[in-house]
Amino acid sequence: MSKSKAALLRADQAMGLTTMPKVSPLPQPLPQPLPQSLRPDQHAPTTATRGGSLSLPNTLPANQQLCAHTSIVQRHAALEALHQRHDRECAHCTTATGHSQTVFGEGSPVSRIMFIGEAPGETEDQIGRPFVGRSGEKLIGMINAMGLQREDVYIANVLKSHPLANKTPLQGAIDACGPYLIEQILLIRPEVLVTLGGPATKLLLGTDVGITQLRGIWASWTPPEGHGNPIPVMPTFHPAYLLRNYTEKTRGEVWSDLQAVMKHLGMPPK
């Protein structure tokens, strides 16, 4: 097989076009009792500043401590508490008019990988789950190609509500809704963040550089002071972009990005 055909085959596998073998389950931290001081209801509202720089109040417990003391069930409870608070308080989603319900996020609360997209699409808005439309099918194919299942990872968006007319999120909406994504990250504490497309990448990296220049290059997201160490970020194309530009080049680029994540986590190569 030529190198070109081999590269295309690997790209097709990354897009979920062939059956990929499963790998052993990812190691999970042992459940620990949750201290009284780290109950989910102790979280305080988040704040945001213009330009993509998001901050959290000092009253939020350090996530290093949270991860060391919470079980899967307790972290699920913390995420659900955050979900309910978002739906009550988010300055963007409580006033937006282009959605029928919020789409908070789903997956393993102790996942090593967190995929972050832009905003729910029309199908996601109807069902109430992230990435379940055509883009979702493509993302799940990518995840399966890594040897994982949807439930092994955590999937979320910058915005929790479907934008009116499916438009690209404006900075004001990102400033208002983005801090809740930051809290999701702090609760899950993944080992790698995979940003899907420009808006998610620009938010976490605090940059205006386009995704075509950023994809495939390791970066780092630094949590608010006192909330743990930086988390590696791998920017890649959004699945919707792949659907519009399903070429050998873009498929190969995304598969290369996913392989870099797998190598970083010590996962078996594909």
C-alpha atoms as a PDB file:
ATOM      1  CA  MET A   1       0.000   0.000   0.000  1.00  0.00           C
ATOM      2  CA  SER A   2       1.335   3.446  -0.926  1.00  0.00           C
ATOM      3  CA  LYS A   3       2.008   6.019   1.772  1.00  0.00           C
ATOM      4  CA  SER A   4      -0.778   8.186   0.355  1.00  0.00           C
ATOM      5  CA  LYS A   5      -3.346   5.384   0.496  1.00  0.00           C
ATOM      6  CA  ALA A   6      -2.174   4.371   3.964  1.00  0.00           C
ATOM      7  CA  ALA A   7      -2.584   7.959   5.182  1.00  0.00           C
ATOM      8  CA  LEU A   8      -6.065   8.135   3.662  1.00  0.00           C
ATOM      9  CA  LEU A   9      -7.019   4.837   5.319  1.00  0.00           C
ATOM     10  CA  ARG A  10      -5.887   6.160   8.700  1.00  0.00           C
ATOM     11  CA  ALA A  11      -7.896   9.321   8.116  1.00  0.00           C
ATOM     12  CA  ASP A  12     -10.971   7.258   7.204  1.00  0.00           C
ATOM     13  CA  GLN A  13     -10.528   5.275  10.388  1.00  0.00           C
ATOM     14  CA  ALA A  14     -10.374   8.533  12.329  1.00  0.00           C
ATOM     15  CA  MET A  15     -13.688   9.532  10.831  1.00  0.00           C
ATOM     16  CA  GLY A  16     -15.272   6.278  11.991  1.00  0.00           C
ATOM     17  CA  LEU A  17     -15.627   4.682   8.557  1.00  0.00           C
ATOM     18  CA  THR A  18     -14.238   1.321   9.710  1.00  0.00           C
ATOM     19  CA  THR A  19     -14.607  -0.789  12.829  1.00  0.00           C
ATOM     20  CA  MET A  20     -11.817  -0.088  15.279  1.00  0.00           C
ATOM     21  CA  PRO A  21     -10.775  -2.420  18.128  1.00  0.00           C
ATOM     22  CA  LYS A  22     -11.534  -1.399  21.670  1.00  0.00           C
ATOM     23  CA  VAL A  23      -8.836  -0.660  24.198  1.00  0.00           C
ATOM     24  CA  SER A  24      -8.836  -1.418  27.885  1.00  0.00           C
ATOM     25  CA  PRO A  25     -10.916   0.956  30.010  1.00  0.00           C
ATOM     26  CA  LEU A  26      -9.132   4.133  31.020  1.00  0.00           C
ATOM     27  CA  PRO A  27      -7.922   4.113  34.624  1.00  0.00           C
ATOM     28  CA  GLN A  28     -10.196   6.031  36.981  1.00  0.00           C
ATOM     29  CA  PRO A  29      -9.401   7.509  40.396  1.00  0.00           C
ATOM     30  CA  LEU A  30     -10.555   5.535  43.401  1.00  0.00           C
ATOM     31  CA  PRO A  31     -13.712   6.938  45.018  1.00  0.00           C
ATOM     32  CA  GLN A  32     -13.085   8.954  48.143  1.00  0.00           C
ATOM     33  CA  PRO A  33     -15.535  10.503  50.633  1.00  0.00           C
ATOM     34  CA  LEU A  34     -16.437  14.102  49.849  1.00  0.00           C
ATOM     35  CA  PRO A  35     -15.450  16.542  52.633  1.00  0.00           C
ATOM     36  CA  GLN A  36     -18.186  18.876  53.879  1.00  0.00           C
ATOM     37  CA  SER A  37     -16.261  21.880  52.569  1.00  0.00           C
ATOM     38  CA  LEU A  38     -16.323  20.517  49.017  1.00  0.00           C
ATOM     39  CA  ARG A  39     -20.053  19.904  48.570  1.00  0.00           C
ATOM     40  CA  PRO A  40     -21.364  20.756  45.083  1.00  0.00           C
ATOM     41  CA  ASP A  41     -23.604  23.513  46.481  1.00  0.00           C
ATOM     42  CA  GLN A  42     -20.562  25.436  47.713  1.00  0.00           C
ATOM     43  CA  HIS A  43     -19.807  26.749  44.238  1.00  0.00           C
ATOM     44  CA  ALA A  44     -20.216  30.494  43.793  1.00  0.00           C
ATOM     45  CA  PRO A  45     -21.382  32.210  40.575  1.00  0.00           C
ATOM     46  CA  THR A  46     -18.746  32.796  37.950  1.00  0.00           C
ATOM     47  CA  THR A  47     -17.693  36.076  36.394  1.00  0.00           C
ATOM     48  CA  ALA A  48     -16.349  36.946  32.971  1.00  0.00           C
ATOM     49  CA  THR A  49     -14.282  39.701  31.403  1.00  0.00           C
ATOM     50  CA  ARG A  50     -14.163  40.860  27.805  1.00  0.00           C
ATOM     51  CA  GLY A  51     -11.657  39.417  25.363  1.00  0.00           C
ATOM     52  CA  GLY A  52     -11.972  35.785  26.361  1.00  0.00           C
ATOM     53  CA  SER A  53     -10.300  36.057  29.771  1.00  0.00           C
ATOM     54  CA  LEU A  54     -12.601  34.256  32.189  1.00  0.00           C
ATOM     55  CA  SER A  55     -12.186  34.180  35.944  1.00  0.00           C
ATOM     56  CA  LEU A  56     -13.752  32.436  38.918  1.00  0.00           C
ATOM     57  CA  PRO A  57     -14.245  33.711  42.466  1.00  0.00           C
ATOM     58  CA  ASN A  58     -11.850  32.639  45.200  1.00  0.00           C
ATOM     59  CA  THR A  59     -14.718  30.901  47.017  1.00  0.00           C
ATOM     60  CA  LEU A  60     -14.683  28.063  44.475  1.00  0.00           C
ATOM     61  CA  PRO A  61     -12.711  25.179  46.042  1.00  0.00           C
ATOM     62  CA  ALA A  62      -9.390  24.324  44.421  1.00  0.00           C
ATOM     63  CA  ASN A  63     -10.063  21.620  41.869  1.00  0.00           C
ATOM     64  CA  GLN A  64      -6.963  19.682  42.818  1.00  0.00           C
ATOM     65  CA  GLN A  65      -8.623  19.043  46.169  1.00  0.00           C
ATOM     66  CA  LEU A  66     -11.982  18.349  44.535  1.00  0.00           C
ATOM     67  CA  CYS A  67     -10.564  15.693  42.215  1.00  0.00           C
ATOM     68  CA  ALA A  68      -8.732  13.980  45.053  1.00  0.00           C
ATOM     69  CA  HIS A  69     -11.839  13.579  47.190  1.00  0.00           C
ATOM     70  CA  THR A  70     -14.821  13.042  44.914  1.00  0.00           C
ATOM     71  CA  SER A  71     -16.306   9.826  43.595  1.00  0.00           C
ATOM     72  CA  ILE A  72     -17.960   9.463  40.201  1.00  0.00           C
ATOM     73  CA  VAL A  73     -21.410   9.803  41.752  1.00  0.00           C
ATOM     74  CA  GLN A  74     -20.413  12.902  43.679  1.00  0.00           C
ATOM     75  CA  ARG A  75     -18.882  14.511  40.620  1.00  0.00           C
ATOM     76  CA  HIS A  76     -22.058  13.749  38.672  1.00  0.00           C
ATOM     77  CA  ALA A  77     -23.964  15.544  41.435  1.00  0.00           C
ATOM     78  CA  ALA A  78     -21.626  18.525  41.265  1.00  0.00           C
ATOM     79  CA  LEU A  79     -22.067  18.778  37.504  1.00  0.00           C
ATOM     80  CA  GLU A  80     -25.849  18.547  37.826  1.00  0.00           C
ATOM     81  CA  ALA A  81     -25.806  21.288  40.458  1.00  0.00           C
ATOM     82  CA  LEU A  82     -23.760  23.440  38.072  1.00  0.00           C
ATOM     83  CA  HIS A  83     -26.204  22.620  35.268  1.00  0.00           C
ATOM     84  CA  GLN A  84     -29.163  23.793  37.341  1.00  0.00           C
ATOM     85  CA  ARG A  85     -27.366  26.937  38.442  1.00  0.00           C
ATOM     86  CA  HIS A  86     -26.427  27.723  34.858  1.00  0.00           C
ATOM     87  CA  ASP A  87     -30.042  27.413  33.748  1.00  0.00           C
ATOM     88  CA  ARG A  88     -31.134  29.757  36.545  1.00  0.00           C
ATOM     89  CA  GLU A  89     -28.391  32.360  36.291  1.00  0.00           C
ATOM     90  CA  CYS A  90     -26.591  32.423  32.922  1.00  0.00           C
ATOM     91  CA  ALA A  91     -26.981  35.975  31.661  1.00  0.00           C
ATOM     92  CA  HIS A  92     -26.899  34.767  28.062  1.00  0.00           C
ATOM     93  CA  CYS A  93     -28.983  31.586  28.081  1.00  0.00           C
ATOM     94  CA  THR A  94     -31.728  32.990  30.318  1.00  0.00           C
ATOM     95  CA  THR A  95     -32.314  35.826  27.837  1.00  0.00           C
ATOM     96  CA  ALA A  96     -31.512  34.111  24.511  1.00  0.00           C
ATOM     97  CA  THR A  97     -34.435  33.419  22.181  1.00  0.00           C
ATOM     98  CA  GLY A  98     -33.005  31.000  19.603  1.00  0.00           C
ATOM     99  CA  HIS A  99     -33.309  27.795  21.614  1.00  0.00           C
ATOM    100  CA  SER A 100     -35.948  25.526  23.126  1.00  0.00           C
ATOM    101  CA  GLN A 101     -33.773  24.059  25.890  1.00  0.00           C
ATOM    102  CA  THR A 102     -30.203  24.267  27.137  1.00  0.00           C
ATOM    103  CA  VAL A 103     -27.635  21.624  26.234  1.00  0.00           C
ATOM    104  CA  PHE A 104     -25.209  21.425  29.126  1.00  0.00           C
ATOM    105  CA  GLY A 105     -22.844  18.543  28.336  1.00  0.00           C
ATOM    106  CA  GLU A 106     -22.521  14.837  28.991  1.00  0.00           C
ATOM    107  CA  GLY A 107     -20.111  11.970  29.423  1.00  0.00           C
ATOM    108  CA  SER A 108     -17.797  10.567  32.033  1.00  0.00           C
ATOM    109  CA  PRO A 109     -17.204  13.003  34.925  1.00  0.00           C
ATOM    110  CA  VAL A 110     -13.744  11.477  35.403  1.00  0.00           C
ATOM    111  CA  SER A 111     -12.768  11.396  31.737  1.00  0.00           C
ATOM    112  CA  ARG A 112      -9.157  11.876  30.723  1.00  0.00           C
ATOM    113  CA  ILE A 113     -10.307  13.689  27.556  1.00  0.00           C
ATOM    114  CA  MET A 114     -12.798  16.534  27.196  1.00  0.00           C
ATOM    115  CA  PHE A 115     -14.039  17.595  23.745  1.00  0.00           C
ATOM    116  CA  ILE A 116     -15.297  21.178  23.516  1.00  0.00           C
ATOM    117  CA  GLY A 117     -17.326  22.541  20.622  1.00  0.00           C
ATOM    118  CA  GLU A 118     -18.924  25.856  19.793  1.00  0.00           C
ATOM    119  CA  ALA A 119     -22.663  25.698  20.487  1.00  0.00           C
ATOM    120  CA  PRO A 120     -25.584  23.271  20.148  1.00  0.00           C
ATOM    121  CA  GLY A 121     -27.038  22.854  16.676  1.00  0.00           C
ATOM    122  CA  GLU A 122     -30.700  22.477  15.780  1.00  0.00           C
ATOM    123  CA  THR A 123     -30.768  18.728  16.395  1.00  0.00           C
ATOM    124  CA  GLU A 124     -28.961  19.102  19.712  1.00  0.00           C
ATOM    125  CA  ASP A 125     -31.468  21.754  20.744  1.00  0.00           C
ATOM    126  CA  GLN A 126     -34.384  19.447  19.959  1.00  0.00           C
ATOM    127  CA  ILE A 127     -32.918  16.451  21.798  1.00  0.00           C
ATOM    128  CA  GLY A 128     -31.082  18.251  24.604  1.00  0.00           C
ATOM    129  CA  ARG A 129     -27.751  16.466  24.115  1.00  0.00           C
ATOM    130  CA  PRO A 130     -24.461  17.758  22.652  1.00  0.00           C
ATOM    131  CA  PHE A 131     -23.212  16.489  19.300  1.00  0.00           C
ATOM    132  CA  VAL A 132     -26.069  14.213  18.220  1.00  0.00           C
ATOM    133  CA  GLY A 133     -26.654  15.564  14.707  1.00  0.00           C
ATOM    134  CA  ARG A 134     -24.458  14.987  11.658  1.00  0.00           C
ATOM    135  CA  SER A 135     -21.529  16.679  13.366  1.00  0.00           C
ATOM    136  CA  GLY A 136     -22.121  14.466  16.356  1.00  0.00           C
ATOM    137  CA  GLU A 137     -21.989  11.329  14.244  1.00  0.00           C
ATOM    138  CA  LYS A 138     -18.667  12.486  12.864  1.00  0.00           C
ATOM    139  CA  LEU A 139     -17.296  13.272  16.331  1.00  0.00           C
ATOM    140  CA  ILE A 140     -18.334   9.865  17.652  1.00  0.00           C
ATOM    141  CA  GLY A 141     -16.587   8.270  14.681  1.00  0.00           C
ATOM    142  CA  MET A 142     -13.432  10.157  15.652  1.00  0.00           C
ATOM    143  CA  ILE A 143     -13.761   9.026  19.272  1.00  0.00           C
ATOM    144  CA  ASN A 144     -14.369   5.413  18.219  1.00  0.00           C
ATOM    145  CA  ALA A 145     -11.289   5.539  15.991  1.00  0.00           C
ATOM    146  CA  MET A 146      -9.258   6.332  19.111  1.00  0.00           C
ATOM    147  CA  GLY A 147     -10.521   3.082  20.620  1.00  0.00           C
ATOM    148  CA  LEU A 148     -13.001   4.817  22.902  1.00  0.00           C
ATOM    149  CA  GLN A 149     -16.757   5.119  23.236  1.00  0.00           C
ATOM    150  CA  ARG A 150     -18.826   8.260  23.671  1.00  0.00           C
ATOM    151  CA  GLU A 151     -19.389   7.475  27.358  1.00  0.00           C
ATOM    152  CA  ASP A 152     -15.621   7.290  27.969  1.00  0.00           C
ATOM    153  CA  VAL A 153     -15.127  11.009  27.309  1.00  0.00           C
ATOM    154  CA  TYR A 154     -16.883  14.257  28.241  1.00  0.00           C
ATOM    155  CA  ILE A 155     -18.439  16.461  25.557  1.00  0.00           C
ATOM    156  CA  ALA A 156     -19.544  20.070  25.989  1.00  0.00           C
ATOM    157  CA  ASN A 157     -19.866  23.378  24.149  1.00  0.00           C
ATOM    158  CA  VAL A 158     -18.846  26.942  24.897  1.00  0.00           C
ATOM    159  CA  LEU A 159     -22.489  28.034  24.679  1.00  0.00           C
ATOM    160  CA  LYS A 160     -25.233  25.961  26.248  1.00  0.00           C
ATOM    161  CA  SER A 161     -28.035  27.272  24.020  1.00  0.00           C
ATOM    162  CA  HIS A 162     -28.597  27.093  20.266  1.00  0.00           C
ATOM    163  CA  PRO A 163     -27.696  30.454  18.655  1.00  0.00           C
ATOM    164  CA  LEU A 164     -30.463  32.287  16.830  1.00  0.00           C
ATOM    165  CA  ALA A 165     -30.273  31.402  13.108  1.00  0.00           C
ATOM    166  CA  ASN A 166     -27.314  29.144  13.946  1.00  0.00           C
ATOM    167  CA  LYS A 167     -24.938  32.108  13.881  1.00  0.00           C
ATOM    168  CA  THR A 168     -21.376  32.104  15.218  1.00  0.00           C
ATOM    169  CA  PRO A 169     -21.454  33.087  18.922  1.00  0.00           C
ATOM    170  CA  LEU A 170     -20.794  36.748  19.644  1.00  0.00           C
ATOM    171  CA  GLN A 171     -18.219  37.757  22.238  1.00  0.00           C
ATOM    172  CA  GLY A 172     -20.893  38.980  24.656  1.00  0.00           C
ATOM    173  CA  ALA A 173     -22.548  35.558  24.672  1.00  0.00           C
ATOM    174  CA  ILE A 174     -19.190  33.839  25.204  1.00  0.00           C
ATOM    175  CA  ASP A 175     -18.358  36.173  28.093  1.00  0.00           C
ATOM    176  CA  ALA A 176     -21.688  35.378  29.774  1.00  0.00           C
ATOM    177  CA  CYS A 177     -21.850  31.617  29.201  1.00  0.00           C
ATOM    178  CA  GLY A 178     -18.178  30.715  28.973  1.00  0.00           C
ATOM    179  CA  PRO A 179     -17.447  30.725  32.726  1.00  0.00           C
ATOM    180  CA  TYR A 180     -19.814  27.780  33.206  1.00  0.00           C
ATOM    181  CA  LEU A 181     -17.669  25.804  30.762  1.00  0.00           C
ATOM    182  CA  ILE A 182     -14.643  26.729  32.862  1.00  0.00           C
ATOM    183  CA  GLU A 183     -16.364  25.299  35.927  1.00  0.00           C
ATOM    184  CA  GLN A 184     -17.163  22.118  33.990  1.00  0.00           C
ATOM    185  CA  ILE A 185     -13.488  21.747  33.171  1.00  0.00           C
ATOM    186  CA  LEU A 186     -12.498  22.314  36.789  1.00  0.00           C
ATOM    187  CA  LEU A 187     -14.974  19.692  38.003  1.00  0.00           C
ATOM    188  CA  ILE A 188     -13.874  17.055  35.484  1.00  0.00           C
ATOM    189  CA  ARG A 189     -10.194  17.949  35.418  1.00  0.00           C
ATOM    190  CA  PRO A 190      -9.344  16.083  32.201  1.00  0.00           C
ATOM    191  CA  GLU A 191      -5.772  15.354  31.226  1.00  0.00           C
ATOM    192  CA  VAL A 192      -6.312  16.799  27.744  1.00  0.00           C
ATOM    193  CA  LEU A 193      -8.736  19.329  26.277  1.00  0.00           C
ATOM    194  CA  VAL A 194      -9.564  18.870  22.587  1.00  0.00           C
ATOM    195  CA  THR A 195     -11.035  22.084  21.211  1.00  0.00           C
ATOM    196  CA  LEU A 196     -13.201  21.637  18.137  1.00  0.00           C
ATOM    197  CA  GLY A 197     -13.035  24.696  15.915  1.00  0.00           C
ATOM    198  CA  GLY A 198     -12.259  28.363  16.348  1.00  0.00           C
ATOM    199  CA  PRO A 199     -14.601  29.665  19.094  1.00  0.00           C
ATOM    200  CA  ALA A 200     -13.638  27.018  21.680  1.00  0.00           C
ATOM    201  CA  THR A 201      -9.960  27.310  20.837  1.00  0.00           C
ATOM    202  CA  LYS A 202      -9.977  31.101  20.973  1.00  0.00           C
ATOM    203  CA  LEU A 203     -11.805  31.095  24.311  1.00  0.00           C
ATOM    204  CA  LEU A 204      -9.432  28.748  26.114  1.00  0.00           C
ATOM    205  CA  LEU A 205      -6.229  30.065  24.551  1.00  0.00           C
ATOM    206  CA  GLY A 206      -7.238  33.727  24.691  1.00  0.00           C
ATOM    207  CA  THR A 207      -6.247  34.340  21.078  1.00  0.00           C
ATOM    208  CA  ASP A 208      -7.711  35.693  17.859  1.00  0.00           C
ATOM    209  CA  VAL A 209      -5.587  33.433  15.645  1.00  0.00           C
ATOM    210  CA  GLY A 210      -7.634  31.226  13.310  1.00  0.00           C
ATOM    211  CA  ILE A 211      -8.052  27.489  13.814  1.00  0.00           C
ATOM    212  CA  THR A 212      -6.188  26.657  10.590  1.00  0.00           C
ATOM    213  CA  GLN A 213      -3.033  28.117  12.140  1.00  0.00           C
ATOM    214  CA  LEU A 214      -3.599  26.638  15.608  1.00  0.00           C
ATOM    215  CA  ARG A 215      -4.742  23.076  14.891  1.00  0.00           C
ATOM    216  CA  GLY A 216      -2.296  20.308  15.539  1.00  0.00           C
ATOM    217  CA  ILE A 217      -0.081  22.455  17.782  1.00  0.00           C
ATOM    218  CA  TRP A 218      -0.060  21.653  21.483  1.00  0.00           C
ATOM    219  CA  ALA A 219      -1.063  24.567  23.677  1.00  0.00           C
ATOM    220  CA  SER A 220      -2.009  24.935  27.329  1.00  0.00           C
ATOM    221  CA  TRP A 221      -4.971  26.272  29.269  1.00  0.00           C
ATOM    222  CA  THR A 222      -4.159  27.788  32.644  1.00  0.00           C
ATOM    223  CA  PRO A 223      -6.955  27.559  35.236  1.00  0.00           C
ATOM    224  CA  PRO A 224      -7.785  30.542  37.445  1.00  0.00           C
ATOM    225  CA  GLU A 225      -5.220  31.066  40.168  1.00  0.00           C
ATOM    226  CA  GLY A 226      -5.473  28.488  42.926  1.00  0.00           C
ATOM    227  CA  HIS A 227      -7.351  25.941  40.824  1.00  0.00           C
ATOM    228  CA  GLY A 228      -4.691  23.501  39.726  1.00  0.00           C
ATOM    229  CA  ASN A 229      -2.046  23.131  37.066  1.00  0.00           C
ATOM    230  CA  PRO A 230      -2.325  23.960  33.347  1.00  0.00           C
ATOM    231  CA  ILE A 231      -4.078  21.431  31.111  1.00  0.00           C
ATOM    232  CA  PRO A 232      -2.711  20.562  27.634  1.00  0.00           C
ATOM    233  CA  VAL A 233      -4.931  21.673  24.742  1.00  0.00           C
ATOM    234  CA  MET A 234      -5.034  20.110  21.283  1.00  0.00           C
ATOM    235  CA  PRO A 235      -6.939  22.326  18.823  1.00  0.00           C
ATOM    236  CA  THR A 236      -8.462  20.604  15.807  1.00  0.00           C
ATOM    237  CA  PHE A 237     -11.162  21.202  13.226  1.00  0.00           C
ATOM    238  CA  HIS A 238     -14.827  21.090  14.187  1.00  0.00           C
ATOM    239  CA  PRO A 239     -16.641  18.022  12.776  1.00  0.00           C
ATOM    240  CA  ALA A 240     -18.976  20.373  10.887  1.00  0.00           C
ATOM    241  CA  TYR A 241     -15.953  21.759   9.040  1.00  0.00           C
ATOM    242  CA  LEU A 242     -14.949  18.233   8.092  1.00  0.00           C
ATOM    243  CA  LEU A 243     -18.412  17.596   6.679  1.00  0.00           C
ATOM    244  CA  ARG A 244     -18.006  20.668   4.467  1.00  0.00           C
ATOM    245  CA  ASN A 245     -14.379  19.925   3.561  1.00  0.00           C
ATOM    246  CA  TYR A 246     -14.122  16.151   3.556  1.00  0.00           C
ATOM    247  CA  THR A 247     -10.776  15.936   1.770  1.00  0.00           C
ATOM    248  CA  GLU A 248      -7.775  13.696   2.233  1.00  0.00           C
ATOM    249  CA  LYS A 249      -5.899  16.674   3.681  1.00  0.00           C
ATOM    250  CA  THR A 250      -8.393  17.647   6.382  1.00  0.00           C
ATOM    251  CA  ARG A 251      -9.095  14.034   7.334  1.00  0.00           C
ATOM    252  CA  GLY A 252      -5.395  13.343   7.673  1.00  0.00           C
ATOM    253  CA  GLU A 253      -4.879  16.478   9.747  1.00  0.00           C
ATOM    254  CA  VAL A 254      -7.608  15.607  12.225  1.00  0.00           C
ATOM    255  CA  TRP A 255      -6.392  12.023  12.545  1.00  0.00           C
ATOM    256  CA  SER A 256      -2.885  13.354  13.190  1.00  0.00           C
ATOM    257  CA  ASP A 257      -4.279  15.584  15.964  1.00  0.00           C
ATOM    258  CA  LEU A 258      -6.110  12.656  17.565  1.00  0.00           C
ATOM    259  CA  GLN A 259      -3.023  10.472  17.351  1.00  0.00           C
ATOM    260  CA  ALA A 260      -1.058  13.177  19.175  1.00  0.00           C
ATOM    261  CA  VAL A 261      -3.638  13.078  21.988  1.00  0.00           C
ATOM    262  CA  MET A 262      -3.439   9.292  22.160  1.00  0.00           C
ATOM    263  CA  LYS A 263       0.359   9.384  22.314  1.00  0.00           C
ATOM    264  CA  HIS A 264       0.262  11.996  25.068  1.00  0.00           C
ATOM    265  CA  LEU A 265      -2.063   9.794  27.145  1.00  0.00           C
ATOM    266  CA  GLY A 266      -0.106   6.613  26.485  1.00  0.00           C
ATOM    267  CA  MET A 267      -2.974   4.991  24.599  1.00  0.00           C
ATOM    268  CA  PRO A 268      -2.270   2.145  22.132  1.00  0.00           C
ATOM    269  CA  PRO A 269      -1.474   3.549  18.665  1.00  0.00           C
ATOM    270  CA  LYS A 270      -3.876   2.905  15.773  1.00  0.00           C
END
